[in-house]
Amino acid sequence: MSITMVRHLLDKYHMDINRDNDDFRNFFHMASDKGTPLCSAILNRNLPVVIELLKRGASPEDPRGYPVSYAMKEDGFLPAVEPLLQAGADPTSALVRAVGYHNLNAAEMCLQSGADPKTALHKVLEREKARIERRGRADDSGMSKREIRAVQKTETMIEWLRRTIDGDADALS
């Protein structure tokens, strides 16, 4: 989707910029297009449209945190993180997501935008405690290699966050 198309849909048809709206969808192929127009722009790696939507009032957050999550996940779109943070996405919540996605670059962006690493660490540790409780044990028995790698990456990110709080963030960089 081009900026011109976005402007046309918003100006002429007064589309709700924050609604999960089928009118913004691309029905001609199976491109990623779920969520709000902003989510669709992030999933389709369209930075000019991301920026235009944010300038026009698109919310950088939704109750589920999808715009930030879509930008930070492994196959996400890192260039969208900074505009989302500048447009008002909560940097501490975004930092929690960055740690969960094992995305050091995004985590550093969140810190530069004012994220509170202590609050983020507390939330990450709560999430990890809940994960362990759901499993019923803390060891890695019964886990796939992929799950074990994910836990190890999370532990590495938690250690990085602790070092950041202690003033030694360069440990992983």
N, C-alpha and C. Protein backbone atom coordinates (compact mmCIF):
# COMPACT_ATOMS: atom_id res chain seq x y z
N MET A 1 0.85 -1.17 0.00
CA MET A 1 0.00 0.00 0.00
C MET A 1 0.90 1.23 0.00
N SER A 2 0.56 2.20 -0.80
CA SER A 2 1.36 3.42 -0.90
C SER A 2 0.82 4.50 0.04
N ILE A 3 1.65 5.48 0.30
CA ILE A 3 1.23 6.61 1.12
C ILE A 3 0.05 7.32 0.45
N THR A 4 0.10 7.44 -0.87
CA THR A 4 -0.98 8.08 -1.60
C THR A 4 -2.31 7.35 -1.37
N MET A 5 -2.27 6.03 -1.40
CA MET A 5 -3.48 5.23 -1.17
C MET A 5 -3.98 5.44 0.26
N VAL A 6 -3.08 5.43 1.22
CA VAL A 6 -3.47 5.64 2.62
C VAL A 6 -4.12 7.00 2.77
N ARG A 7 -3.51 8.02 2.22
CA ARG A 7 -4.09 9.38 2.31
C ARG A 7 -5.47 9.43 1.67
N HIS A 8 -5.60 8.79 0.51
CA HIS A 8 -6.89 8.77 -0.19
C HIS A 8 -7.97 8.10 0.67
N LEU A 9 -7.65 6.95 1.23
CA LEU A 9 -8.63 6.23 2.05
C LEU A 9 -9.00 7.02 3.31
N LEU A 10 -8.02 7.67 3.90
CA LEU A 10 -8.30 8.44 5.12
C LEU A 10 -9.02 9.74 4.81
N ASP A 11 -8.57 10.46 3.80
CA ASP A 11 -9.14 11.78 3.51
C ASP A 11 -10.50 11.71 2.80
N LYS A 12 -10.61 10.87 1.81
CA LYS A 12 -11.85 10.80 1.04
C LYS A 12 -12.91 9.94 1.72
N TYR A 13 -12.50 8.81 2.26
CA TYR A 13 -13.48 7.88 2.82
C TYR A 13 -13.51 7.87 4.35
N HIS A 14 -12.65 8.68 4.96
CA HIS A 14 -12.64 8.83 6.42
C HIS A 14 -12.54 7.49 7.15
N MET A 15 -11.65 6.66 6.67
CA MET A 15 -11.45 5.36 7.29
C MET A 15 -10.97 5.53 8.73
N ASP A 16 -11.41 4.65 9.59
CA ASP A 16 -10.96 4.64 10.99
C ASP A 16 -9.56 4.06 11.02
N ILE A 17 -8.60 4.90 11.33
CA ILE A 17 -7.19 4.53 11.24
C ILE A 17 -6.78 3.47 12.26
N ASN A 18 -7.55 3.32 13.32
CA ASN A 18 -7.20 2.36 14.37
C ASN A 18 -8.09 1.12 14.39
N ARG A 19 -8.90 0.97 13.40
CA ARG A 19 -9.82 -0.17 13.36
C ARG A 19 -9.24 -1.30 12.51
N ASP A 20 -9.48 -2.51 12.93
CA ASP A 20 -9.13 -3.66 12.12
C ASP A 20 -10.13 -3.67 10.98
N ASN A 21 -9.75 -3.11 9.85
CA ASN A 21 -10.69 -2.75 8.82
C ASN A 21 -10.41 -3.48 7.51
N ASP A 22 -11.36 -4.26 7.04
CA ASP A 22 -11.19 -5.01 5.79
C ASP A 22 -10.92 -4.11 4.59
N ASP A 23 -11.31 -2.85 4.66
CA ASP A 23 -11.10 -1.97 3.51
C ASP A 23 -9.62 -1.70 3.26
N PHE A 24 -8.78 -1.94 4.25
CA PHE A 24 -7.35 -1.75 4.07
C PHE A 24 -6.66 -3.03 3.62
N ARG A 25 -7.39 -4.11 3.50
CA ARG A 25 -6.79 -5.41 3.21
C ARG A 25 -6.46 -5.57 1.75
N ASN A 26 -5.50 -6.43 1.49
CA ASN A 26 -5.15 -6.77 0.12
C ASN A 26 -5.71 -8.17 -0.15
N PHE A 27 -6.79 -8.24 -0.91
CA PHE A 27 -7.45 -9.52 -1.15
C PHE A 27 -6.88 -10.26 -2.35
N PHE A 28 -5.88 -9.70 -3.02
CA PHE A 28 -5.39 -10.31 -4.24
C PHE A 28 -4.30 -11.35 -4.02
N HIS A 29 -3.70 -11.37 -2.86
CA HIS A 29 -2.74 -12.41 -2.52
C HIS A 29 -2.70 -12.56 -1.01
N MET A 30 -1.98 -13.54 -0.54
CA MET A 30 -2.01 -13.87 0.88
C MET A 30 -0.95 -13.12 1.68
N ALA A 31 -0.80 -11.84 1.44
CA ALA A 31 0.16 -11.04 2.20
C ALA A 31 -0.29 -10.92 3.65
N SER A 32 0.67 -10.68 4.51
CA SER A 32 0.34 -10.44 5.92
C SER A 32 -0.46 -9.15 6.00
N ASP A 33 -1.65 -9.25 6.51
CA ASP A 33 -2.49 -8.05 6.56
C ASP A 33 -3.45 -8.09 7.73
N LYS A 34 -3.04 -8.66 8.83
CA LYS A 34 -3.96 -8.75 9.95
C LYS A 34 -3.79 -7.55 10.88
N GLY A 35 -4.85 -7.24 11.58
CA GLY A 35 -4.81 -6.14 12.53
C GLY A 35 -5.18 -4.82 11.91
N THR A 36 -4.74 -3.77 12.57
CA THR A 36 -5.02 -2.42 12.12
C THR A 36 -4.19 -2.10 10.88
N PRO A 37 -4.48 -0.98 10.22
CA PRO A 37 -3.63 -0.59 9.09
C PRO A 37 -2.16 -0.48 9.49
N LEU A 38 -1.89 0.00 10.71
CA LEU A 38 -0.51 0.10 11.17
C LEU A 38 0.13 -1.29 11.26
N CYS A 39 -0.60 -2.25 11.80
CA CYS A 39 -0.08 -3.62 11.87
C CYS A 39 0.22 -4.14 10.47
N SER A 40 -0.68 -3.90 9.56
CA SER A 40 -0.49 -4.36 8.19
C SER A 40 0.75 -3.73 7.57
N ALA A 41 0.96 -2.45 7.80
CA ALA A 41 2.14 -1.77 7.26
C ALA A 41 3.42 -2.36 7.85
N ILE A 42 3.40 -2.68 9.14
CA ILE A 42 4.58 -3.28 9.78
C ILE A 42 4.82 -4.67 9.22
N LEU A 43 3.77 -5.47 9.14
CA LEU A 43 3.91 -6.84 8.64
C LEU A 43 4.39 -6.86 7.19
N ASN A 44 4.04 -5.82 6.44
CA ASN A 44 4.46 -5.74 5.05
C ASN A 44 5.74 -4.92 4.86
N ARG A 45 6.38 -4.56 5.98
CA ARG A 45 7.66 -3.87 5.98
C ARG A 45 7.64 -2.57 5.19
N ASN A 46 6.60 -1.78 5.40
CA ASN A 46 6.41 -0.55 4.64
C ASN A 46 6.61 0.64 5.58
N LEU A 47 7.86 1.03 5.77
CA LEU A 47 8.19 2.10 6.72
C LEU A 47 7.54 3.44 6.35
N PRO A 48 7.53 3.87 5.09
CA PRO A 48 6.87 5.15 4.79
C PRO A 48 5.39 5.16 5.21
N VAL A 49 4.70 4.04 5.02
CA VAL A 49 3.29 3.97 5.42
C VAL A 49 3.17 3.92 6.95
N VAL A 50 4.08 3.21 7.62
CA VAL A 50 4.09 3.20 9.09
C VAL A 50 4.19 4.63 9.59
N ILE A 51 5.13 5.38 9.07
CA ILE A 51 5.35 6.76 9.52
C ILE A 51 4.14 7.62 9.21
N GLU A 52 3.59 7.50 8.01
CA GLU A 52 2.40 8.29 7.64
C GLU A 52 1.22 7.98 8.56
N LEU A 53 0.98 6.71 8.82
CA LEU A 53 -0.14 6.34 9.70
C LEU A 53 0.06 6.91 11.10
N LEU A 54 1.28 6.84 11.61
CA LEU A 54 1.55 7.40 12.94
C LEU A 54 1.36 8.91 12.93
N LYS A 55 1.82 9.58 11.88
CA LYS A 55 1.62 11.03 11.77
C LYS A 55 0.13 11.38 11.73
N ARG A 56 -0.66 10.51 11.13
CA ARG A 56 -2.09 10.76 10.96
C ARG A 56 -2.90 10.33 12.18
N GLY A 57 -2.23 9.83 13.23
CA GLY A 57 -2.93 9.51 14.47
C GLY A 57 -3.13 8.05 14.78
N ALA A 58 -2.52 7.17 14.02
CA ALA A 58 -2.63 5.74 14.34
C ALA A 58 -2.02 5.49 15.71
N SER A 59 -2.70 4.69 16.50
CA SER A 59 -2.19 4.37 17.82
C SER A 59 -1.01 3.41 17.71
N PRO A 60 0.13 3.75 18.34
CA PRO A 60 1.28 2.86 18.28
C PRO A 60 1.11 1.61 19.15
N GLU A 61 0.03 1.57 19.93
CA GLU A 61 -0.23 0.42 20.79
C GLU A 61 -1.68 0.01 20.63
N ASP A 62 -1.95 -1.23 20.89
CA ASP A 62 -3.32 -1.68 21.05
C ASP A 62 -3.33 -2.54 22.30
N PRO A 63 -4.48 -2.93 22.78
CA PRO A 63 -4.51 -3.67 24.05
C PRO A 63 -3.64 -4.93 24.05
N ARG A 64 -3.44 -5.51 22.89
CA ARG A 64 -2.63 -6.73 22.80
C ARG A 64 -1.16 -6.44 22.49
N GLY A 65 -0.84 -5.18 22.20
CA GLY A 65 0.54 -4.81 21.91
C GLY A 65 1.03 -5.24 20.54
N TYR A 66 0.12 -5.48 19.61
CA TYR A 66 0.53 -6.03 18.32
C TYR A 66 1.48 -5.16 17.51
N PRO A 67 1.27 -3.86 17.35
CA PRO A 67 2.22 -3.13 16.51
C PRO A 67 3.67 -3.30 16.97
N VAL A 68 3.91 -3.13 18.26
CA VAL A 68 5.27 -3.26 18.78
C VAL A 68 5.74 -4.71 18.65
N SER A 69 4.88 -5.66 18.97
CA SER A 69 5.26 -7.07 18.87
C SER A 69 5.60 -7.44 17.44
N TYR A 70 4.80 -7.01 16.48
CA TYR A 70 5.06 -7.34 15.08
C TYR A 70 6.40 -6.75 14.63
N ALA A 71 6.75 -5.60 15.14
CA ALA A 71 8.02 -4.98 14.75
C ALA A 71 9.22 -5.69 15.37
N MET A 72 9.04 -6.28 16.56
CA MET A 72 10.17 -6.84 17.31
C MET A 72 10.40 -8.32 17.14
N LYS A 73 9.42 -9.05 16.71
CA LYS A 73 9.60 -10.51 16.67
C LYS A 73 10.72 -10.87 15.70
N GLU A 74 11.11 -12.14 15.74
CA GLU A 74 12.28 -12.60 14.99
C GLU A 74 12.24 -12.20 13.52
N ASP A 75 11.11 -12.36 12.89
CA ASP A 75 10.99 -11.98 11.48
C ASP A 75 10.25 -10.65 11.35
N GLY A 76 10.35 -9.83 12.39
CA GLY A 76 9.66 -8.55 12.43
C GLY A 76 10.32 -7.49 11.58
N PHE A 77 10.03 -6.25 11.91
CA PHE A 77 10.48 -5.12 11.11
C PHE A 77 11.07 -4.08 12.05
N LEU A 78 12.34 -4.26 12.41
CA LEU A 78 13.02 -3.43 13.38
C LEU A 78 12.98 -1.94 13.06
N PRO A 79 13.05 -1.51 11.79
CA PRO A 79 13.00 -0.07 11.52
C PRO A 79 11.70 0.60 12.01
N ALA A 80 10.66 -0.17 12.26
CA ALA A 80 9.41 0.42 12.74
C ALA A 80 9.42 0.68 14.25
N VAL A 81 10.37 0.10 14.97
CA VAL A 81 10.38 0.23 16.43
C VAL A 81 10.55 1.68 16.86
N GLU A 82 11.54 2.36 16.32
CA GLU A 82 11.78 3.74 16.73
C GLU A 82 10.59 4.66 16.47
N PRO A 83 9.98 4.64 15.27
CA PRO A 83 8.80 5.48 15.06
C PRO A 83 7.65 5.14 16.03
N LEU A 84 7.48 3.85 16.35
CA LEU A 84 6.43 3.47 17.30
C LEU A 84 6.71 4.07 18.67
N LEU A 85 7.95 4.00 19.10
CA LEU A 85 8.32 4.56 20.40
C LEU A 85 8.17 6.08 20.40
N GLN A 86 8.59 6.73 19.32
CA GLN A 86 8.46 8.18 19.21
C GLN A 86 7.00 8.62 19.20
N ALA A 87 6.13 7.75 18.69
CA ALA A 87 4.70 8.08 18.61
C ALA A 87 3.95 7.77 19.90
N GLY A 88 4.64 7.24 20.90
CA GLY A 88 3.99 7.05 22.19
C GLY A 88 3.85 5.63 22.69
N ALA A 89 4.40 4.65 21.98
CA ALA A 89 4.38 3.29 22.52
C ALA A 89 5.16 3.29 23.83
N ASP A 90 4.65 2.59 24.82
CA ASP A 90 5.30 2.56 26.13
C ASP A 90 6.64 1.85 26.03
N PRO A 91 7.75 2.55 26.30
CA PRO A 91 9.06 1.93 26.13
C PRO A 91 9.33 0.78 27.10
N THR A 92 8.77 0.83 28.30
CA THR A 92 9.00 -0.25 29.26
C THR A 92 8.26 -1.51 28.83
N SER A 93 7.01 -1.38 28.41
CA SER A 93 6.28 -2.54 27.90
C SER A 93 6.96 -3.09 26.65
N ALA A 94 7.45 -2.18 25.81
CA ALA A 94 8.17 -2.61 24.60
C ALA A 94 9.46 -3.35 24.97
N LEU A 95 10.13 -2.91 26.03
CA LEU A 95 11.34 -3.58 26.48
C LEU A 95 11.03 -5.01 26.94
N VAL A 96 9.93 -5.17 27.64
CA VAL A 96 9.51 -6.52 28.06
C VAL A 96 9.32 -7.40 26.83
N ARG A 97 8.69 -6.86 25.80
CA ARG A 97 8.49 -7.63 24.56
C ARG A 97 9.82 -7.93 23.88
N ALA A 98 10.71 -6.95 23.84
CA ALA A 98 12.02 -7.15 23.22
C ALA A 98 12.78 -8.29 23.91
N VAL A 99 12.72 -8.33 25.23
CA VAL A 99 13.37 -9.41 25.96
C VAL A 99 12.71 -10.74 25.60
N GLY A 100 11.39 -10.75 25.55
CA GLY A 100 10.66 -11.97 25.20
C GLY A 100 10.97 -12.47 23.81
N TYR A 101 11.25 -11.54 22.89
CA TYR A 101 11.60 -11.92 21.52
C TYR A 101 13.11 -12.07 21.33
N HIS A 102 13.87 -11.90 22.41
CA HIS A 102 15.33 -12.05 22.38
C HIS A 102 15.95 -11.06 21.40
N ASN A 103 15.42 -9.84 21.36
CA ASN A 103 15.84 -8.86 20.38
C ASN A 103 16.63 -7.75 21.08
N LEU A 104 17.95 -7.92 21.11
CA LEU A 104 18.83 -6.99 21.80
C LEU A 104 18.78 -5.60 21.17
N ASN A 105 18.75 -5.52 19.84
CA ASN A 105 18.69 -4.21 19.18
C ASN A 105 17.43 -3.45 19.58
N ALA A 106 16.31 -4.12 19.58
CA ALA A 106 15.05 -3.47 19.97
C ALA A 106 15.10 -3.09 21.45
N ALA A 107 15.68 -3.95 22.28
CA ALA A 107 15.79 -3.65 23.72
C ALA A 107 16.61 -2.39 23.93
N GLU A 108 17.69 -2.24 23.21
CA GLU A 108 18.51 -1.04 23.34
C GLU A 108 17.75 0.21 22.90
N MET A 109 16.95 0.09 21.84
CA MET A 109 16.12 1.22 21.40
C MET A 109 15.14 1.62 22.50
N CYS A 110 14.57 0.63 23.16
CA CYS A 110 13.61 0.90 24.23
C CYS A 110 14.29 1.64 25.38
N LEU A 111 15.49 1.22 25.73
CA LEU A 111 16.23 1.90 26.80
C LEU A 111 16.54 3.34 26.41
N GLN A 112 16.93 3.55 25.16
CA GLN A 112 17.22 4.90 24.68
C GLN A 112 15.97 5.78 24.69
N SER A 113 14.81 5.16 24.62
CA SER A 113 13.54 5.90 24.64
C SER A 113 12.98 6.06 26.04
N GLY A 114 13.74 5.65 27.05
CA GLY A 114 13.33 5.88 28.43
C GLY A 114 12.69 4.71 29.15
N ALA A 115 12.85 3.51 28.64
CA ALA A 115 12.29 2.34 29.33
C ALA A 115 12.91 2.20 30.71
N ASP A 116 12.12 1.72 31.65
CA ASP A 116 12.58 1.47 33.01
C ASP A 116 13.04 0.01 33.09
N PRO A 117 14.35 -0.24 33.12
CA PRO A 117 14.82 -1.62 33.10
C PRO A 117 14.44 -2.42 34.34
N LYS A 118 14.31 -1.75 35.48
CA LYS A 118 13.93 -2.48 36.70
C LYS A 118 12.50 -2.99 36.61
N THR A 119 11.61 -2.14 36.14
CA THR A 119 10.21 -2.56 35.98
C THR A 119 10.12 -3.67 34.93
N ALA A 120 10.85 -3.50 33.84
CA ALA A 120 10.84 -4.52 32.78
C ALA A 120 11.37 -5.85 33.32
N LEU A 121 12.45 -5.81 34.08
CA LEU A 121 13.01 -7.04 34.63
C LEU A 121 12.00 -7.72 35.54
N HIS A 122 11.33 -6.94 36.37
CA HIS A 122 10.32 -7.51 37.27
C HIS A 122 9.22 -8.22 36.47
N LYS A 123 8.75 -7.58 35.40
CA LYS A 123 7.69 -8.17 34.58
C LYS A 123 8.17 -9.43 33.85
N VAL A 124 9.40 -9.39 33.35
CA VAL A 124 9.96 -10.55 32.66
C VAL A 124 10.09 -11.72 33.63
N LEU A 125 10.58 -11.46 34.83
CA LEU A 125 10.73 -12.53 35.82
C LEU A 125 9.38 -13.09 36.24
N GLU A 126 8.36 -12.23 36.34
CA GLU A 126 7.01 -12.72 36.64
C GLU A 126 6.51 -13.63 35.53
N ARG A 127 6.75 -13.24 34.30
CA ARG A 127 6.32 -14.05 33.15
C ARG A 127 7.04 -15.39 33.14
N GLU A 128 8.33 -15.38 33.43
CA GLU A 128 9.09 -16.63 33.46
C GLU A 128 8.62 -17.52 34.60
N LYS A 129 8.30 -16.94 35.75
CA LYS A 129 7.78 -17.72 36.88
C LYS A 129 6.46 -18.38 36.47
N ALA A 130 5.59 -17.64 35.80
CA ALA A 130 4.31 -18.19 35.35
C ALA A 130 4.52 -19.30 34.33
N ARG A 131 5.51 -19.14 33.44
CA ARG A 131 5.81 -20.19 32.46
C ARG A 131 6.24 -21.47 33.16
N ILE A 132 7.10 -21.33 34.16
CA ILE A 132 7.57 -22.50 34.91
C ILE A 132 6.41 -23.16 35.65
N GLU A 133 5.53 -22.35 36.24
CA GLU A 133 4.38 -22.91 36.95
C GLU A 133 3.45 -23.66 36.01
N ARG A 134 3.27 -23.16 34.79
CA ARG A 134 2.43 -23.85 33.81
C ARG A 134 3.04 -25.20 33.43
N ARG A 135 4.34 -25.24 33.34
CA ARG A 135 5.02 -26.49 33.00
C ARG A 135 5.01 -27.47 34.16
N GLY A 136 4.94 -26.96 35.37
CA GLY A 136 4.92 -27.82 36.54
C GLY A 136 6.30 -28.20 37.04
N ARG A 137 7.34 -27.70 36.38
CA ARG A 137 8.71 -27.97 36.84
C ARG A 137 9.65 -26.94 36.20
N ALA A 138 10.79 -26.75 36.85
CA ALA A 138 11.75 -25.75 36.39
C ALA A 138 12.81 -26.34 35.46
N ASP A 139 12.99 -27.67 35.48
CA ASP A 139 14.03 -28.25 34.64
C ASP A 139 13.57 -28.31 33.18
N ASP A 140 14.47 -28.73 32.31
CA ASP A 140 14.13 -28.75 30.89
C ASP A 140 13.70 -30.12 30.38
N SER A 141 13.38 -31.04 31.30
CA SER A 141 12.94 -32.36 30.85
C SER A 141 11.62 -32.24 30.09
N GLY A 142 11.55 -32.95 29.00
CA GLY A 142 10.34 -32.94 28.19
C GLY A 142 10.25 -31.77 27.23
N MET A 143 11.25 -30.91 27.24
CA MET A 143 11.23 -29.75 26.33
C MET A 143 11.94 -30.11 25.02
N SER A 144 11.46 -29.53 23.94
CA SER A 144 12.13 -29.73 22.66
C SER A 144 13.42 -28.90 22.65
N LYS A 145 14.29 -29.20 21.70
CA LYS A 145 15.53 -28.41 21.57
C LYS A 145 15.22 -26.94 21.32
N ARG A 146 14.19 -26.71 20.53
CA ARG A 146 13.79 -25.32 20.24
C ARG A 146 13.35 -24.60 21.51
N GLU A 147 12.56 -25.29 22.34
CA GLU A 147 12.11 -24.69 23.59
C GLU A 147 13.29 -24.43 24.53
N ILE A 148 14.22 -25.34 24.57
CA ILE A 148 15.40 -25.16 25.42
C ILE A 148 16.22 -23.96 24.94
N ARG A 149 16.40 -23.83 23.62
CA ARG A 149 17.13 -22.67 23.08
C ARG A 149 16.41 -21.37 23.42
N ALA A 150 15.09 -21.37 23.33
CA ALA A 150 14.33 -20.16 23.66
C ALA A 150 14.50 -19.78 25.12
N VAL A 151 14.47 -20.76 26.00
CA VAL A 151 14.68 -20.49 27.43
C VAL A 151 16.09 -19.95 27.66
N GLN A 152 17.06 -20.54 27.00
CA GLN A 152 18.45 -20.08 27.15
C GLN A 152 18.60 -18.63 26.64
N LYS A 153 17.96 -18.33 25.52
CA LYS A 153 18.02 -16.96 25.00
C LYS A 153 17.35 -15.99 25.97
N THR A 154 16.23 -16.40 26.53
CA THR A 154 15.55 -15.54 27.51
C THR A 154 16.44 -15.32 28.72
N GLU A 155 17.10 -16.37 29.20
CA GLU A 155 18.00 -16.23 30.34
C GLU A 155 19.15 -15.28 30.01
N THR A 156 19.65 -15.34 28.78
CA THR A 156 20.71 -14.43 28.35
C THR A 156 20.21 -12.99 28.35
N MET A 157 18.99 -12.78 27.87
CA MET A 157 18.42 -11.43 27.86
C MET A 157 18.16 -10.93 29.28
N ILE A 158 17.74 -11.80 30.17
CA ILE A 158 17.52 -11.41 31.56
C ILE A 158 18.85 -11.00 32.18
N GLU A 159 19.89 -11.75 31.91
CA GLU A 159 21.22 -11.39 32.43
C GLU A 159 21.65 -10.03 31.88
N TRP A 160 21.42 -9.80 30.58
CA TRP A 160 21.74 -8.50 29.98
C TRP A 160 20.97 -7.38 30.68
N LEU A 161 19.70 -7.61 30.96
CA LEU A 161 18.88 -6.61 31.63
C LEU A 161 19.42 -6.33 33.03
N ARG A 162 19.82 -7.37 33.74
CA ARG A 162 20.42 -7.18 35.07
C ARG A 162 21.71 -6.36 34.98
N ARG A 163 22.52 -6.66 34.00
CA ARG A 163 23.78 -5.91 33.82
C ARG A 163 23.49 -4.46 33.44
N THR A 164 22.45 -4.25 32.66
CA THR A 164 22.06 -2.90 32.31
C THR A 164 21.70 -2.11 33.57
N ILE A 165 20.96 -2.73 34.45
CA ILE A 165 20.57 -2.09 35.71
C ILE A 165 21.81 -1.79 36.54
N ASP A 166 22.79 -2.71 36.51
CA ASP A 166 24.03 -2.52 37.28
C ASP A 166 25.03 -1.61 36.58
N GLY A 167 24.69 -1.16 35.37
CA GLY A 167 25.57 -0.24 34.65
C GLY A 167 26.61 -0.91 33.78
N ASP A 168 26.42 -2.16 33.41
CA ASP A 168 27.37 -2.91 32.59
C ASP A 168 26.65 -3.53 31.39
N ALA A 169 25.95 -2.70 30.63
CA ALA A 169 25.13 -3.19 29.52
C ALA A 169 25.96 -3.69 28.34
N ASP A 170 27.24 -3.37 28.28
CA ASP A 170 28.04 -3.78 27.13
C ASP A 170 28.41 -5.25 27.15
N ALA A 171 27.99 -5.96 28.17
CA ALA A 171 28.38 -7.36 28.33
C ALA A 171 27.97 -8.23 27.14
N LEU A 172 26.84 -7.97 26.52
CA LEU A 172 26.38 -8.80 25.38
C LEU A 172 26.62 -8.15 24.03
N SER A 173 26.88 -6.87 24.01
CA SER A 173 27.01 -6.16 22.74
C SER A 173 28.25 -6.56 21.99
